Amino acid sequence: MQTSGRLCICHRPERLAELMDIMREYKLEPKRLRLVCQRKGEEPWLVLVEGKKCANTGLRISPTLYVEEDGGFSPEMIKIYGAYKEAYIK
């Protein structure tokens, strides 16, 4: 997704170094990074990176997003899914 010189990417964590190199090669400065884990205590299975075209350096690390808590979606995931959650949770 790209809006106003920003690019958001979802990728595998094991490819993070390569992703950062390629972003900078194309003058996209990584600005925000967030790890996504299925559950607390597990390794991340996804990394979310937001980059900005021709920006100064400076990377912010957001708190980890946990998909599941207590056998269902975490409160944050329910908020993210919005209207879709109604069909999923039933």
PDB file of N, CA and C in Angstrom:
ATOM      1  N   MET A   1       0.846  -1.162   0.000  1.00  0.00           N
ATOM      2  CA  MET A   1       0.000   0.000   0.000  1.00  0.00           C
ATOM      3  C   MET A   1       0.897   1.232   0.000  1.00  0.00           C
ATOM      4  N   GLN A   2       0.541   2.212  -0.813  1.00  0.00           N
ATOM      5  CA  GLN A   2       1.353   3.414  -0.889  1.00  0.00           C
ATOM      6  C   GLN A   2       0.453   4.639  -0.819  1.00  0.00           C
ATOM      7  N   THR A   3       0.763   5.564   0.087  1.00  0.00           N
ATOM      8  CA  THR A   3       0.030   6.813   0.197  1.00  0.00           C
ATOM      9  C   THR A   3       1.004   7.925   0.523  1.00  0.00           C
ATOM     10  N   SER A   4       0.913   9.016  -0.190  1.00  0.00           N
ATOM     11  CA  SER A   4       1.708  10.228   0.043  1.00  0.00           C
ATOM     12  C   SER A   4       3.181   9.958   0.349  1.00  0.00           C
ATOM     13  N   GLY A   5       3.852   9.228  -0.530  1.00  0.00           N
ATOM     14  CA  GLY A   5       5.275   8.961  -0.355  1.00  0.00           C
ATOM     15  C   GLY A   5       5.600   7.920   0.685  1.00  0.00           C
ATOM     16  N   ARG A   6       4.592   7.233   1.211  1.00  0.00           N
ATOM     17  CA  ARG A   6       4.805   6.184   2.213  1.00  0.00           C
ATOM     18  C   ARG A   6       4.482   4.826   1.604  1.00  0.00           C
ATOM     19  N   LEU A   7       5.185   3.824   2.071  1.00  0.00           N
ATOM     20  CA  LEU A   7       4.992   2.464   1.596  1.00  0.00           C
ATOM     21  C   LEU A   7       4.946   1.552   2.811  1.00  0.00           C
ATOM     22  N   CYS A   8       3.933   0.686   2.885  1.00  0.00           N
ATOM     23  CA  CYS A   8       3.806  -0.272   3.975  1.00  0.00           C
ATOM     24  C   CYS A   8       4.012  -1.678   3.423  1.00  0.00           C
ATOM     25  N   ILE A   9       4.860  -2.445   4.085  1.00  0.00           N
ATOM     26  CA  ILE A   9       5.228  -3.775   3.609  1.00  0.00           C
ATOM     27  C   ILE A   9       5.049  -4.797   4.731  1.00  0.00           C
ATOM     28  N   CYS A  10       4.487  -5.955   4.392  1.00  0.00           N
ATOM     29  CA  CYS A  10       4.416  -7.112   5.289  1.00  0.00           C
ATOM     30  C   CYS A  10       5.401  -8.143   4.738  1.00  0.00           C
ATOM     31  N   HIS A  11       6.294  -8.636   5.581  1.00  0.00           N
ATOM     32  CA  HIS A  11       7.300  -9.584   5.089  1.00  0.00           C
ATOM     33  C   HIS A  11       7.684 -10.556   6.198  1.00  0.00           C
ATOM     34  N   ARG A  12       8.457 -11.560   5.839  1.00  0.00           N
ATOM     35  CA  ARG A  12       8.953 -12.545   6.799  1.00  0.00           C
ATOM     36  C   ARG A  12      10.129 -11.940   7.573  1.00  0.00           C
ATOM     37  N   PRO A  13      10.188 -12.143   8.897  1.00  0.00           N
ATOM     38  CA  PRO A  13      11.254 -11.549   9.704  1.00  0.00           C
ATOM     39  C   PRO A  13      12.659 -11.982   9.288  1.00  0.00           C
ATOM     40  N   GLU A  14      12.802 -13.219   8.797  1.00  0.00           N
ATOM     41  CA  GLU A  14      14.137 -13.675   8.408  1.00  0.00           C
ATOM     42  C   GLU A  14      14.682 -12.925   7.192  1.00  0.00           C
ATOM     43  N   ARG A  15      13.842 -12.151   6.509  1.00  0.00           N
ATOM     44  CA  ARG A  15      14.273 -11.370   5.340  1.00  0.00           C
ATOM     45  C   ARG A  15      14.378  -9.879   5.659  1.00  0.00           C
ATOM     46  N   LEU A  16      14.331  -9.499   6.935  1.00  0.00           N
ATOM     47  CA  LEU A  16      14.301  -8.100   7.330  1.00  0.00           C
ATOM     48  C   LEU A  16      15.529  -7.321   6.871  1.00  0.00           C
ATOM     49  N   ALA A  17      16.726  -7.853   7.045  1.00  0.00           N
ATOM     50  CA  ALA A  17      17.942  -7.141   6.641  1.00  0.00           C
ATOM     51  C   ALA A  17      17.926  -6.873   5.139  1.00  0.00           C
ATOM     52  N   GLU A  18      17.546  -7.879   4.366  1.00  0.00           N
ATOM     53  CA  GLU A  18      17.467  -7.722   2.909  1.00  0.00           C
ATOM     54  C   GLU A  18      16.411  -6.675   2.537  1.00  0.00           C
ATOM     55  N   LEU A  19      15.277  -6.708   3.216  1.00  0.00           N
ATOM     56  CA  LEU A  19      14.203  -5.754   2.954  1.00  0.00           C
ATOM     57  C   LEU A  19      14.669  -4.321   3.192  1.00  0.00           C
ATOM     58  N   MET A  20      15.358  -4.093   4.309  1.00  0.00           N
ATOM     59  CA  MET A  20      15.871  -2.752   4.629  1.00  0.00           C
ATOM     60  C   MET A  20      16.860  -2.273   3.574  1.00  0.00           C
ATOM     61  N   ASP A  21      17.752  -3.160   3.137  1.00  0.00           N
ATOM     62  CA  ASP A  21      18.720  -2.802   2.097  1.00  0.00           C
ATOM     63  C   ASP A  21      18.020  -2.382   0.807  1.00  0.00           C
ATOM     64  N   ILE A  22      17.028  -3.159   0.387  1.00  0.00           N
ATOM     65  CA  ILE A  22      16.316  -2.861  -0.856  1.00  0.00           C
ATOM     66  C   ILE A  22      15.528  -1.559  -0.726  1.00  0.00           C
ATOM     67  N   MET A  23      14.912  -1.335   0.430  1.00  0.00           N
ATOM     68  CA  MET A  23      14.172  -0.084   0.625  1.00  0.00           C
ATOM     69  C   MET A  23      15.100   1.116   0.462  1.00  0.00           C
ATOM     70  N   ARG A  24      16.249   1.050   1.097  1.00  0.00           N
ATOM     71  CA  ARG A  24      17.192   2.177   1.001  1.00  0.00           C
ATOM     72  C   ARG A  24      17.753   2.335  -0.407  1.00  0.00           C
ATOM     73  N   GLU A  25      17.947   1.224  -1.104  1.00  0.00           N
ATOM     74  CA  GLU A  25      18.410   1.281  -2.491  1.00  0.00           C
ATOM     75  C   GLU A  25      17.449   2.107  -3.344  1.00  0.00           C
ATOM     76  N   TYR A  26      16.155   2.026  -3.040  1.00  0.00           N
ATOM     77  CA  TYR A  26      15.134   2.767  -3.784  1.00  0.00           C
ATOM     78  C   TYR A  26      14.697   4.037  -3.060  1.00  0.00           C
ATOM     79  N   LYS A  27      15.562   4.541  -2.156  1.00  0.00           N
ATOM     80  CA  LYS A  27      15.348   5.780  -1.412  1.00  0.00           C
ATOM     81  C   LYS A  27      14.070   5.784  -0.575  1.00  0.00           C
ATOM     82  N   LEU A  28      13.726   4.619  -0.050  1.00  0.00           N
ATOM     83  CA  LEU A  28      12.624   4.489   0.900  1.00  0.00           C
ATOM     84  C   LEU A  28      13.228   4.258   2.279  1.00  0.00           C
ATOM     85  N   GLU A  29      13.160   5.264   3.121  1.00  0.00           N
ATOM     86  CA  GLU A  29      13.759   5.161   4.449  1.00  0.00           C
ATOM     87  C   GLU A  29      12.791   4.452   5.399  1.00  0.00           C
ATOM     88  N   PRO A  30      13.218   3.343   6.019  1.00  0.00           N
ATOM     89  CA  PRO A  30      12.354   2.670   6.997  1.00  0.00           C
ATOM     90  C   PRO A  30      12.069   3.604   8.174  1.00  0.00           C
ATOM     91  N   LYS A  31      10.785   3.806   8.494  1.00  0.00           N
ATOM     92  CA  LYS A  31      10.396   4.724   9.554  1.00  0.00           C
ATOM     93  C   LYS A  31       9.737   4.034  10.745  1.00  0.00           C
ATOM     94  N   ARG A  32       8.950   2.968  10.490  1.00  0.00           N
ATOM     95  CA  ARG A  32       8.292   2.239  11.582  1.00  0.00           C
ATOM     96  C   ARG A  32       8.402   0.753  11.326  1.00  0.00           C
ATOM     97  N   LEU A  33       8.595  -0.003  12.409  1.00  0.00           N
ATOM     98  CA  LEU A  33       8.723  -1.447  12.323  1.00  0.00           C
ATOM     99  C   LEU A  33       7.890  -2.068  13.439  1.00  0.00           C
ATOM    100  N   ARG A  34       7.173  -3.139  13.091  1.00  0.00           N
ATOM    101  CA  ARG A  34       6.373  -3.839  14.102  1.00  0.00           C
ATOM    102  C   ARG A  34       6.416  -5.331  13.829  1.00  0.00           C
ATOM    103  N   LEU A  35       6.697  -6.099  14.868  1.00  0.00           N
ATOM    104  CA  LEU A  35       6.695  -7.561  14.764  1.00  0.00           C
ATOM    105  C   LEU A  35       5.300  -8.080  15.061  1.00  0.00           C
ATOM    106  N   VAL A  36       4.930  -9.173  14.392  1.00  0.00           N
ATOM    107  CA  VAL A  36       3.635  -9.809  14.614  1.00  0.00           C
ATOM    108  C   VAL A  36       3.888 -11.241  15.061  1.00  0.00           C
ATOM    109  N   CYS A  37       3.324 -11.614  16.223  1.00  0.00           N
ATOM    110  CA  CYS A  37       3.443 -12.968  16.766  1.00  0.00           C
ATOM    111  C   CYS A  37       2.053 -13.576  16.886  1.00  0.00           C
ATOM    112  N   GLN A  38       1.974 -14.875  16.691  1.00  0.00           N
ATOM    113  CA  GLN A  38       0.691 -15.553  16.859  1.00  0.00           C
ATOM    114  C   GLN A  38       0.246 -15.484  18.320  1.00  0.00           C
ATOM    115  N   ARG A  39       1.180 -15.806  19.239  1.00  0.00           N
ATOM    116  CA  ARG A  39       0.891 -15.790  20.676  1.00  0.00           C
ATOM    117  C   ARG A  39       2.116 -15.282  21.430  1.00  0.00           C
ATOM    118  N   LYS A  40       1.905 -14.823  22.652  1.00  0.00           N
ATOM    119  CA  LYS A  40       3.028 -14.393  23.490  1.00  0.00           C
ATOM    120  C   LYS A  40       3.956 -15.565  23.714  1.00  0.00           C
ATOM    121  N   GLY A  41       5.258 -15.305  23.701  1.00  0.00           N
ATOM    122  CA  GLY A  41       6.255 -16.340  23.915  1.00  0.00           C
ATOM    123  C   GLY A  41       6.719 -17.026  22.643  1.00  0.00           C
ATOM    124  N   GLU A  42       6.072 -16.750  21.507  1.00  0.00           N
ATOM    125  CA  GLU A  42       6.478 -17.347  20.229  1.00  0.00           C
ATOM    126  C   GLU A  42       7.302 -16.342  19.419  1.00  0.00           C
ATOM    127  N   GLU A  43       8.080 -16.881  18.487  1.00  0.00           N
ATOM    128  CA  GLU A  43       8.857 -16.016  17.597  1.00  0.00           C
ATOM    129  C   GLU A  43       7.927 -15.323  16.615  1.00  0.00           C
ATOM    130  N   PRO A  44       8.301 -14.129  16.162  1.00  0.00           N
ATOM    131  CA  PRO A  44       7.466 -13.436  15.180  1.00  0.00           C
ATOM    132  C   PRO A  44       7.411 -14.208  13.862  1.00  0.00           C
ATOM    133  N   TRP A  45       6.262 -14.172  13.210  1.00  0.00           N
ATOM    134  CA  TRP A  45       6.117 -14.829  11.908  1.00  0.00           C
ATOM    135  C   TRP A  45       5.891 -13.803  10.802  1.00  0.00           C
ATOM    136  N   LEU A  46       5.807 -12.520  11.199  1.00  0.00           N
ATOM    137  CA  LEU A  46       5.587 -11.458  10.228  1.00  0.00           C
ATOM    138  C   LEU A  46       6.205 -10.178  10.761  1.00  0.00           C
ATOM    139  N   VAL A  47       6.700  -9.348   9.853  1.00  0.00           N
ATOM    140  CA  VAL A  47       7.202  -8.035  10.226  1.00  0.00           C
ATOM    141  C   VAL A  47       6.492  -7.009   9.346  1.00  0.00           C
ATOM    142  N   LEU A  48       6.059  -5.920   9.960  1.00  0.00           N
ATOM    143  CA  LEU A  48       5.408  -4.824   9.242  1.00  0.00           C
ATOM    144  C   LEU A  48       6.388  -3.663   9.221  1.00  0.00           C
ATOM    145  N   VAL A  49       6.654  -3.136   8.029  1.00  0.00           N
ATOM    146  CA  VAL A  49       7.613  -2.032   7.891  1.00  0.00           C
ATOM    147  C   VAL A  49       6.954  -0.922   7.083  1.00  0.00           C
ATOM    148  N   GLU A  50       7.051   0.283   7.600  1.00  0.00           N
ATOM    149  CA  GLU A  50       6.575   1.455   6.870  1.00  0.00           C
ATOM    150  C   GLU A  50       7.780   2.288   6.480  1.00  0.00           C
ATOM    151  N   GLY A  51       7.851   2.675   5.214  1.00  0.00           N
ATOM    152  CA  GLY A  51       8.951   3.491   4.735  1.00  0.00           C
ATOM    153  C   GLY A  51       8.433   4.779   4.125  1.00  0.00           C
ATOM    154  N   LYS A  52       9.295   5.780   4.090  1.00  0.00           N
ATOM    155  CA  LYS A  52       8.936   7.065   3.515  1.00  0.00           C
ATOM    156  C   LYS A  52       9.981   7.459   2.481  1.00  0.00           C
ATOM    157  N   LYS A  53       9.524   7.904   1.337  1.00  0.00           N
ATOM    158  CA  LYS A  53      10.394   8.273   0.224  1.00  0.00           C
ATOM    159  C   LYS A  53      11.253   9.478   0.598  1.00  0.00           C
ATOM    160  N   CYS A  54      12.562   9.349   0.379  1.00  0.00           N
ATOM    161  CA  CYS A  54      13.541  10.435   0.556  1.00  0.00           C
ATOM    162  C   CYS A  54      13.499  11.071   1.954  1.00  0.00           C
ATOM    163  N   ALA A  55      13.252  10.291   2.979  1.00  0.00           N
ATOM    164  CA  ALA A  55      13.171  10.813   4.348  1.00  0.00           C
ATOM    165  C   ALA A  55      14.518  10.711   5.048  1.00  0.00           C
ATOM    166  N   ASN A  56      14.648  11.435   6.145  1.00  0.00           N
ATOM    167  CA  ASN A  56      15.839  11.322   6.989  1.00  0.00           C
ATOM    168  C   ASN A  56      15.794   9.996   7.740  1.00  0.00           C
ATOM    169  N   THR A  57      16.938   9.597   8.283  1.00  0.00           N
ATOM    170  CA  THR A  57      16.985   8.355   9.050  1.00  0.00           C
ATOM    171  C   THR A  57      16.234   8.524  10.366  1.00  0.00           C
ATOM    172  N   GLY A  58      15.858   7.417  10.952  1.00  0.00           N
ATOM    173  CA  GLY A  58      15.145   7.416  12.226  1.00  0.00           C
ATOM    174  C   GLY A  58      14.051   6.367  12.180  1.00  0.00           C
ATOM    175  N   LEU A  59      14.271   5.264  12.871  1.00  0.00           N
ATOM    176  CA  LEU A  59      13.340   4.139  12.855  1.00  0.00           C
ATOM    177  C   LEU A  59      12.683   4.003  14.220  1.00  0.00           C
ATOM    178  N   ARG A  60      11.347   3.938  14.244  1.00  0.00           N
ATOM    179  CA  ARG A  60      10.595   3.709  15.483  1.00  0.00           C
ATOM    180  C   ARG A  60      10.154   2.253  15.520  1.00  0.00           C
ATOM    181  N   ILE A  61      10.327   1.614  16.666  1.00  0.00           N
ATOM    182  CA  ILE A  61       9.911   0.232  16.854  1.00  0.00           C
ATOM    183  C   ILE A  61       8.613   0.251  17.668  1.00  0.00           C
ATOM    184  N   SER A  62       7.527  -0.230  17.072  1.00  0.00           N
ATOM    185  CA  SER A  62       6.228  -0.285  17.753  1.00  0.00           C
ATOM    186  C   SER A  62       6.138  -1.571  18.582  1.00  0.00           C
ATOM    187  N   PRO A  63       5.258  -1.586  19.578  1.00  0.00           N
ATOM    188  CA  PRO A  63       5.091  -2.812  20.377  1.00  0.00           C
ATOM    189  C   PRO A  63       4.644  -3.983  19.504  1.00  0.00           C
ATOM    190  N   THR A  64       4.999  -5.179  19.908  1.00  0.00           N
ATOM    191  CA  THR A  64       4.634  -6.389  19.178  1.00  0.00           C
ATOM    192  C   THR A  64       3.115  -6.533  19.120  1.00  0.00           C
ATOM    193  N   LEU A  65       2.625  -6.951  17.963  1.00  0.00           N
ATOM    194  CA  LEU A  65       1.207  -7.235  17.790  1.00  0.00           C
ATOM    195  C   LEU A  65       0.998  -8.731  17.994  1.00  0.00           C
ATOM    196  N   TYR A  66       0.155  -9.092  18.967  1.00  0.00           N
ATOM    197  CA  TYR A  66      -0.167 -10.490  19.221  1.00  0.00           C
ATOM    198  C   TYR A  66      -1.528 -10.788  18.604  1.00  0.00           C
ATOM    199  N   VAL A  67      -1.587 -11.826  17.784  1.00  0.00           N
ATOM    200  CA  VAL A  67      -2.823 -12.187  17.103  1.00  0.00           C
ATOM    201  C   VAL A  67      -3.798 -12.847  18.070  1.00  0.00           C
ATOM    202  N   GLU A  68      -3.322 -13.778  18.886  1.00  0.00           N
ATOM    203  CA  GLU A  68      -4.200 -14.525  19.785  1.00  0.00           C
ATOM    204  C   GLU A  68      -3.837 -14.318  21.247  1.00  0.00           C
ATOM    205  N   GLU A  69      -4.872 -14.296  22.092  1.00  0.00           N
ATOM    206  CA  GLU A  69      -4.719 -14.301  23.547  1.00  0.00           C
ATOM    207  C   GLU A  69      -5.887 -15.088  24.119  1.00  0.00           C
ATOM    208  N   ASP A  70      -5.639 -15.924  25.065  1.00  0.00           N
ATOM    209  CA  ASP A  70      -6.693 -16.698  25.741  1.00  0.00           C
ATOM    210  C   ASP A  70      -7.569 -17.483  24.769  1.00  0.00           C
ATOM    211  N   GLY A  71      -6.979 -18.072  23.741  1.00  0.00           N
ATOM    212  CA  GLY A  71      -7.713 -18.934  22.822  1.00  0.00           C
ATOM    213  C   GLY A  71      -8.507 -18.235  21.734  1.00  0.00           C
ATOM    214  N   GLY A  72      -8.456 -16.926  21.641  1.00  0.00           N
ATOM    215  CA  GLY A  72      -9.173 -16.181  20.598  1.00  0.00           C
ATOM    216  C   GLY A  72      -8.352 -14.984  20.166  1.00  0.00           C
ATOM    217  N   PHE A  73      -8.942 -14.162  19.308  1.00  0.00           N
ATOM    218  CA  PHE A  73      -8.233 -12.957  18.877  1.00  0.00           C
ATOM    219  C   PHE A  73      -7.925 -12.060  20.070  1.00  0.00           C
ATOM    220  N   SER A  74      -6.777 -11.396  20.036  1.00  0.00           N
ATOM    221  CA  SER A  74      -6.438 -10.417  21.060  1.00  0.00           C
ATOM    222  C   SER A  74      -7.356  -9.204  20.876  1.00  0.00           C
ATOM    223  N   PRO A  75      -7.535  -8.402  21.925  1.00  0.00           N
ATOM    224  CA  PRO A  75      -8.376  -7.203  21.792  1.00  0.00           C
ATOM    225  C   PRO A  75      -7.922  -6.294  20.642  1.00  0.00           C
ATOM    226  N   GLU A  76      -6.627  -6.174  20.450  1.00  0.00           N
ATOM    227  CA  GLU A  76      -6.133  -5.322  19.356  1.00  0.00           C
ATOM    228  C   GLU A  76      -6.491  -5.906  17.997  1.00  0.00           C
ATOM    229  N   MET A  77      -6.406  -7.227  17.847  1.00  0.00           N
ATOM    230  CA  MET A  77      -6.778  -7.843  16.569  1.00  0.00           C
ATOM    231  C   MET A  77      -8.273  -7.670  16.305  1.00  0.00           C
ATOM    232  N   ILE A  78      -9.085  -7.767  17.327  1.00  0.00           N
ATOM    233  CA  ILE A  78     -10.524  -7.552  17.151  1.00  0.00           C
ATOM    234  C   ILE A  78     -10.776  -6.125  16.675  1.00  0.00           C
ATOM    235  N   LYS A  79     -10.045  -5.183  17.247  1.00  0.00           N
ATOM    236  CA  LYS A  79     -10.191  -3.784  16.834  1.00  0.00           C
ATOM    237  C   LYS A  79      -9.757  -3.605  15.374  1.00  0.00           C
ATOM    238  N   ILE A  80      -8.684  -4.269  14.967  1.00  0.00           N
ATOM    239  CA  ILE A  80      -8.174  -4.171  13.603  1.00  0.00           C
ATOM    240  C   ILE A  80      -9.161  -4.759  12.608  1.00  0.00           C
ATOM    241  N   TYR A  81      -9.735  -5.914  12.937  1.00  0.00           N
ATOM    242  CA  TYR A  81     -10.651  -6.585  12.022  1.00  0.00           C
ATOM    243  C   TYR A  81     -11.977  -5.856  11.863  1.00  0.00           C
ATOM    244  N   GLY A  82     -12.375  -5.076  12.852  1.00  0.00           N
ATOM    245  CA  GLY A  82     -13.604  -4.297  12.743  1.00  0.00           C
ATOM    246  C   GLY A  82     -14.825  -5.149  12.461  1.00  0.00           C
ATOM    247  N   ALA A  83     -15.581  -4.806  11.415  1.00  0.00           N
ATOM    248  CA  ALA A  83     -16.837  -5.493  11.092  1.00  0.00           C
ATOM    249  C   ALA A  83     -16.613  -6.967  10.768  1.00  0.00           C
ATOM    250  N   TYR A  84     -15.456  -7.319  10.244  1.00  0.00           N
ATOM    251  CA  TYR A  84     -15.166  -8.710   9.906  1.00  0.00           C
ATOM    252  C   TYR A  84     -15.206  -9.593  11.139  1.00  0.00           C
ATOM    253  N   LYS A  85     -14.868  -9.027  12.288  1.00  0.00           N
ATOM    254  CA  LYS A  85     -14.802  -9.811  13.522  1.00  0.00           C
ATOM    255  C   LYS A  85     -16.139 -10.457  13.859  1.00  0.00           C
ATOM    256  N   GLU A  86     -17.240  -9.807  13.530  1.00  0.00           N
ATOM    257  CA  GLU A  86     -18.554 -10.344  13.850  1.00  0.00           C
ATOM    258  C   GLU A  86     -18.732 -11.745  13.251  1.00  0.00           C
ATOM    259  N   ALA A  87     -18.367 -11.906  11.989  1.00  0.00           N
ATOM    260  CA  ALA A  87     -18.502 -13.203  11.323  1.00  0.00           C
ATOM    261  C   ALA A  87     -17.502 -14.213  11.874  1.00  0.00           C
ATOM    262  N   TYR A  88     -16.305 -13.760  12.234  1.00  0.00           N
ATOM    263  CA  TYR A  88     -15.253 -14.666  12.696  1.00  0.00           C
ATOM    264  C   TYR A  88     -15.546 -15.188  14.097  1.00  0.00           C
ATOM    265  N   ILE A  89     -15.987 -14.309  14.982  1.00  0.00           N
ATOM    266  CA  ILE A  89     -16.133 -14.648  16.383  1.00  0.00           C
ATOM    267  C   ILE A  89     -17.316 -15.576  16.631  1.00  0.00           C
ATOM    268  N   LYS A  90     -18.353 -15.526  15.828  1.00  0.00           N
ATOM    269  CA  LYS A  90     -19.565 -16.348  16.046  1.00  0.00           C
ATOM    270  C   LYS A  90     -19.319 -17.801  15.959  1.00  0.00           C
TER     271      LYS A  90
END
